[in-house]
């Protein structure tokens, strides 16, 4: 009987040891994937930053046409990649992770630069794109509601490819975010704003968002 107890204890020890290995292996794999995603975001941010600054130089220094459709599509593609990647990183590393927050600050800079590019195209080209701002919060008390509205925004974006959607973290410690809030008089969230007038807080469905353009 004593020997059986020894084997039984041994099995528990081995089970615990194997379970621990599996846990740390899974954590390590998740870490590697997260680091790979960070690198991927960094590469995408570098490309879109380069594209935006290149376009500005072409227009201001070389007097080239801003209405080039190729650069427009390329920049939109790079921005789309980043939108999904930032969300994935927040889920894996946490919304308050220092690396994630730094990437979001840089992403905010890129978004506003892209917004400036689109605004200029609207003035100088036959560009009928509409613009929409979404201010959300990752604060624990507001996360669920912001997440719900974010899902509605995602569906709206899939249906309305003519709308450029810019999402901003209301609570991100960034001077650019503060400037955006002051410029467009944003004091509550989750808020969706048509920068040319209408706005809505916590829409219940896509139809309410569509009405911002009517």
Protein backbone atom coordinates (compact mmCIF):
# COMPACT_ATOMS: atom_id res chain seq x y z
CA UNK A 1 0.00 0.00 0.00
CA UNK A 2 2.84 2.41 0.86
CA UNK A 3 4.43 1.84 -2.53
CA UNK A 4 1.17 2.61 -4.31
CA UNK A 5 0.96 5.89 -2.40
CA UNK A 6 4.47 6.74 -3.56
CA UNK A 7 3.53 6.08 -7.20
CA UNK A 8 0.36 8.11 -6.77
CA UNK A 9 2.30 11.07 -5.36
CA UNK A 10 4.85 10.73 -8.16
CA UNK A 11 2.12 10.94 -10.77
CA UNK A 12 0.78 14.12 -9.17
CA UNK A 13 4.26 15.66 -9.15
CA UNK A 14 4.81 14.76 -12.80
CA UNK A 15 1.35 16.02 -13.75
CA UNK A 16 2.06 19.33 -12.00
CA UNK A 17 5.50 19.57 -13.61
CA UNK A 18 4.13 18.85 -17.11
CA UNK A 19 1.25 21.27 -16.57
CA UNK A 20 3.70 23.98 -15.52
CA UNK A 21 5.84 23.35 -18.60
CA UNK A 22 2.77 23.58 -20.85
CA UNK A 23 1.74 26.85 -19.18
CA UNK A 24 5.14 28.49 -19.61
CA UNK A 25 5.50 27.11 -23.13
CA UNK A 26 2.12 28.64 -24.02
CA UNK A 27 3.15 31.92 -22.40
CA UNK A 28 6.43 31.89 -24.33
CA UNK A 29 4.66 31.22 -27.64
CA UNK A 30 2.19 34.04 -26.91
CA UNK A 31 5.12 36.34 -26.10
CA UNK A 32 6.86 35.45 -29.37
CA UNK A 33 3.67 36.05 -31.35
CA UNK A 34 3.15 39.38 -29.58
CA UNK A 35 6.72 40.46 -30.31
CA UNK A 36 6.25 39.46 -33.95
CA UNK A 37 3.06 41.54 -34.08
CA UNK A 38 4.89 44.49 -32.53
CA UNK A 39 7.52 44.25 -35.24
CA UNK A 40 4.81 43.95 -37.87
CA UNK A 41 3.08 47.09 -36.57
CA UNK A 42 6.40 48.91 -36.45
CA UNK A 43 7.08 48.00 -40.07
CA UNK A 44 3.59 49.08 -41.17
CA UNK A 45 3.91 52.35 -39.25
CA UNK A 46 7.29 53.02 -40.86
CA UNK A 47 5.87 52.39 -44.32
CA UNK A 48 2.83 54.61 -43.91
CA UNK A 49 4.93 57.36 -42.27
CA UNK A 50 7.39 57.21 -45.15
CA UNK A 51 4.53 57.28 -47.66
CA UNK A 52 2.90 60.30 -46.03
CA UNK A 53 6.11 62.32 -45.79
CA UNK A 54 7.13 61.27 -49.30
CA UNK A 55 3.79 62.46 -50.63
CA UNK A 56 4.15 65.81 -48.85
CA UNK A 57 7.61 66.33 -50.34
CA UNK A 58 6.42 65.35 -53.82
CA UNK A 59 3.67 67.92 -53.60
CA UNK A 60 5.47 70.80 -51.84
CA UNK A 61 9.01 70.45 -53.20
CA UNK A 62 8.57 68.67 -56.53
CA UNK A 63 5.12 70.12 -57.38
CA UNK A 64 3.63 66.70 -58.12
CA UNK A 65 -0.08 65.96 -58.10
CA UNK A 66 -1.59 64.92 -54.76
CA UNK A 67 -4.42 63.15 -56.61
CA UNK A 68 -2.31 60.08 -57.45
CA UNK A 69 -4.63 57.12 -56.75
CA UNK A 70 -1.80 54.62 -56.19
CA UNK A 71 -0.38 56.36 -53.11
CA UNK A 72 -3.92 56.86 -51.82
CA UNK A 73 -4.67 53.13 -51.99
CA UNK A 74 -1.28 52.14 -50.59
CA UNK A 75 -1.63 54.38 -47.53
CA UNK A 76 -5.16 53.13 -46.90
CA UNK A 77 -3.96 49.53 -47.04
CA UNK A 78 -1.16 50.15 -44.52
CA UNK A 79 -3.57 51.95 -42.19
CA UNK A 80 -6.04 49.05 -42.37
CA UNK A 81 -3.31 46.62 -41.31
CA UNK A 82 -2.50 48.72 -38.26
CA UNK A 83 -6.11 49.06 -37.13
CA UNK A 84 -6.47 45.29 -36.67
CA UNK A 85 -2.97 44.84 -35.25
CA UNK A 86 -3.38 47.43 -32.49
CA UNK A 87 -6.57 45.71 -31.32
CA UNK A 88 -4.87 42.31 -31.33
CA UNK A 89 -1.94 43.64 -29.28
CA UNK A 90 -4.29 45.15 -26.71
CA UNK A 91 -5.92 41.75 -26.22
CA UNK A 92 -2.62 39.87 -25.90
CA UNK A 93 -0.45 42.31 -23.96
CA UNK A 94 -3.13 44.35 -22.21
CA UNK A 95 -4.59 47.80 -22.85
CA UNK A 96 -2.22 49.41 -20.34
CA UNK A 97 0.96 47.74 -21.60
CA UNK A 98 3.68 50.38 -22.05
CA UNK A 99 4.74 49.13 -25.51
CA UNK A 100 1.13 49.06 -26.70
CA UNK A 101 0.50 52.61 -25.46
CA UNK A 102 3.64 53.90 -27.19
CA UNK A 103 2.55 52.29 -30.45
CA UNK A 104 -0.91 53.83 -30.06
CA UNK A 105 0.64 57.28 -29.62
CA UNK A 106 2.59 56.86 -32.83
CA UNK A 107 -0.51 55.46 -34.52
CA UNK A 108 -2.41 58.59 -33.42
CA UNK A 109 0.25 60.73 -35.10
CA UNK A 110 -0.07 58.68 -38.30
CA UNK A 111 -3.87 58.91 -38.25
CA UNK A 112 -3.84 62.70 -38.00
CA UNK A 113 -1.23 62.92 -40.77
CA UNK A 114 -3.44 60.66 -42.91
CA UNK A 115 -6.44 62.83 -42.05
CA UNK A 116 -4.56 65.91 -43.25
CA UNK A 117 -3.75 64.05 -46.48
CA UNK A 118 -7.42 63.14 -47.02
CA UNK A 119 -8.61 66.68 -46.25
CA UNK A 120 -6.21 68.03 -48.85
CA UNK A 121 -7.35 65.48 -51.42
CA UNK A 122 -10.96 66.47 -50.78
CA UNK A 123 -10.09 70.08 -51.58
CA UNK A 124 -7.90 69.50 -54.62
CA UNK A 125 -9.10 66.23 -56.16
CA UNK A 126 -12.41 64.67 -57.05
CA UNK A 127 -12.41 62.81 -53.76
CA UNK A 128 -15.86 62.27 -52.28
CA UNK A 129 -14.65 60.42 -49.20
CA UNK A 130 -16.52 61.16 -45.99
CA UNK A 131 -14.75 61.39 -42.63
CA UNK A 132 -15.80 60.00 -39.27
CA UNK A 133 -14.14 60.24 -35.86
CA UNK A 134 -14.71 57.68 -33.13
CA UNK A 135 -13.60 58.62 -29.61
CA UNK A 136 -13.64 55.63 -27.27
CA UNK A 137 -12.37 54.80 -23.80
CA UNK A 138 -10.48 51.79 -22.44
CA UNK A 139 -11.30 52.77 -18.88
CA UNK A 140 -12.71 49.69 -17.04
CA UNK A 141 -16.00 51.51 -16.37
CA UNK A 142 -16.49 52.39 -20.04
CA UNK A 143 -14.76 49.50 -21.81
CA UNK A 144 -17.86 47.37 -22.47
CA UNK A 145 -19.86 50.23 -23.96
CA UNK A 146 -16.93 51.42 -26.08
CA UNK A 147 -16.41 47.85 -27.26
CA UNK A 148 -20.09 47.53 -28.22
CA UNK A 149 -20.02 50.76 -30.21
CA UNK A 150 -16.69 49.71 -31.74
CA UNK A 151 -18.33 46.58 -33.16
CA UNK A 152 -21.06 48.70 -34.75
CA UNK A 153 -18.38 50.97 -36.23
CA UNK A 154 -16.58 47.91 -37.69
CA UNK A 155 -19.74 46.74 -39.46
CA UNK A 156 -20.45 50.28 -40.67
CA UNK A 157 -16.90 50.51 -42.05
CA UNK A 158 -17.35 47.27 -43.98
CA UNK A 159 -20.55 48.59 -45.56
CA UNK A 160 -19.30 52.12 -46.24
CA UNK A 161 -15.91 51.93 -47.93
CA UNK A 162 -16.28 55.59 -48.90
CA UNK A 163 -15.95 56.67 -45.26
CA UNK A 164 -12.54 57.21 -43.67
CA UNK A 165 -12.90 56.24 -40.01
CA UNK A 166 -10.40 57.51 -37.44
CA UNK A 167 -10.52 56.00 -33.95
CA UNK A 168 -8.97 57.83 -31.01
CA UNK A 169 -8.43 56.66 -27.43
CA UNK A 170 -10.00 59.47 -25.38
CA UNK A 171 -7.82 58.68 -22.33
CA UNK A 172 -4.50 58.20 -24.12
CA UNK A 173 -1.85 60.48 -22.61
CA UNK A 174 -1.02 62.31 -25.80
CA UNK A 175 -0.90 66.01 -26.58
CA UNK A 176 -2.34 65.27 -30.02
CA UNK A 177 -5.40 63.63 -28.44
CA UNK A 178 -5.91 66.71 -26.26
CA UNK A 179 -5.64 68.95 -29.31
CA UNK A 180 -8.19 66.83 -31.17
CA UNK A 181 -10.61 66.95 -28.22
CA UNK A 182 -10.27 70.73 -28.02
CA UNK A 183 -10.49 71.30 -31.77
CA UNK A 184 -13.70 69.27 -32.12
CA UNK A 185 -15.08 69.98 -28.65
CA UNK A 186 -15.11 66.35 -27.46
CA UNK A 187 -16.05 65.91 -23.81
CA UNK A 188 -17.80 62.54 -23.68
CA UNK A 189 -17.38 59.03 -25.02
CA UNK A 190 -17.99 56.79 -26.82
CA UNK A 191 -18.74 59.51 -29.37
CA UNK A 192 -18.96 59.41 -33.15
CA UNK A 193 -18.41 62.68 -34.94
CA UNK A 194 -18.86 63.91 -38.45
CA UNK A 195 -16.23 66.69 -38.32
CA UNK A 196 -18.43 68.89 -40.51
CA UNK A 197 -21.24 69.05 -37.99
CA UNK A 198 -23.27 66.19 -36.58
CA UNK A 199 -22.30 63.91 -33.70
CA UNK A 200 -23.82 61.12 -31.63
CA UNK A 201 -23.00 59.45 -28.32
CA UNK A 202 -23.37 55.68 -27.86
CA UNK A 203 -25.33 54.86 -31.04
CA UNK A 204 -27.55 51.80 -30.80
CA UNK A 205 -27.30 50.74 -34.44
CA UNK A 206 -25.80 51.53 -37.84
CA UNK A 207 -28.80 53.57 -38.92
CA UNK A 208 -28.02 56.18 -36.27
CA UNK A 209 -24.50 56.51 -37.66
CA UNK A 210 -25.83 56.82 -41.23
CA UNK A 211 -27.97 59.75 -40.10
CA UNK A 212 -24.81 61.73 -39.37
CA UNK A 213 -24.40 62.09 -43.14
CA UNK A 214 -27.98 63.05 -43.94
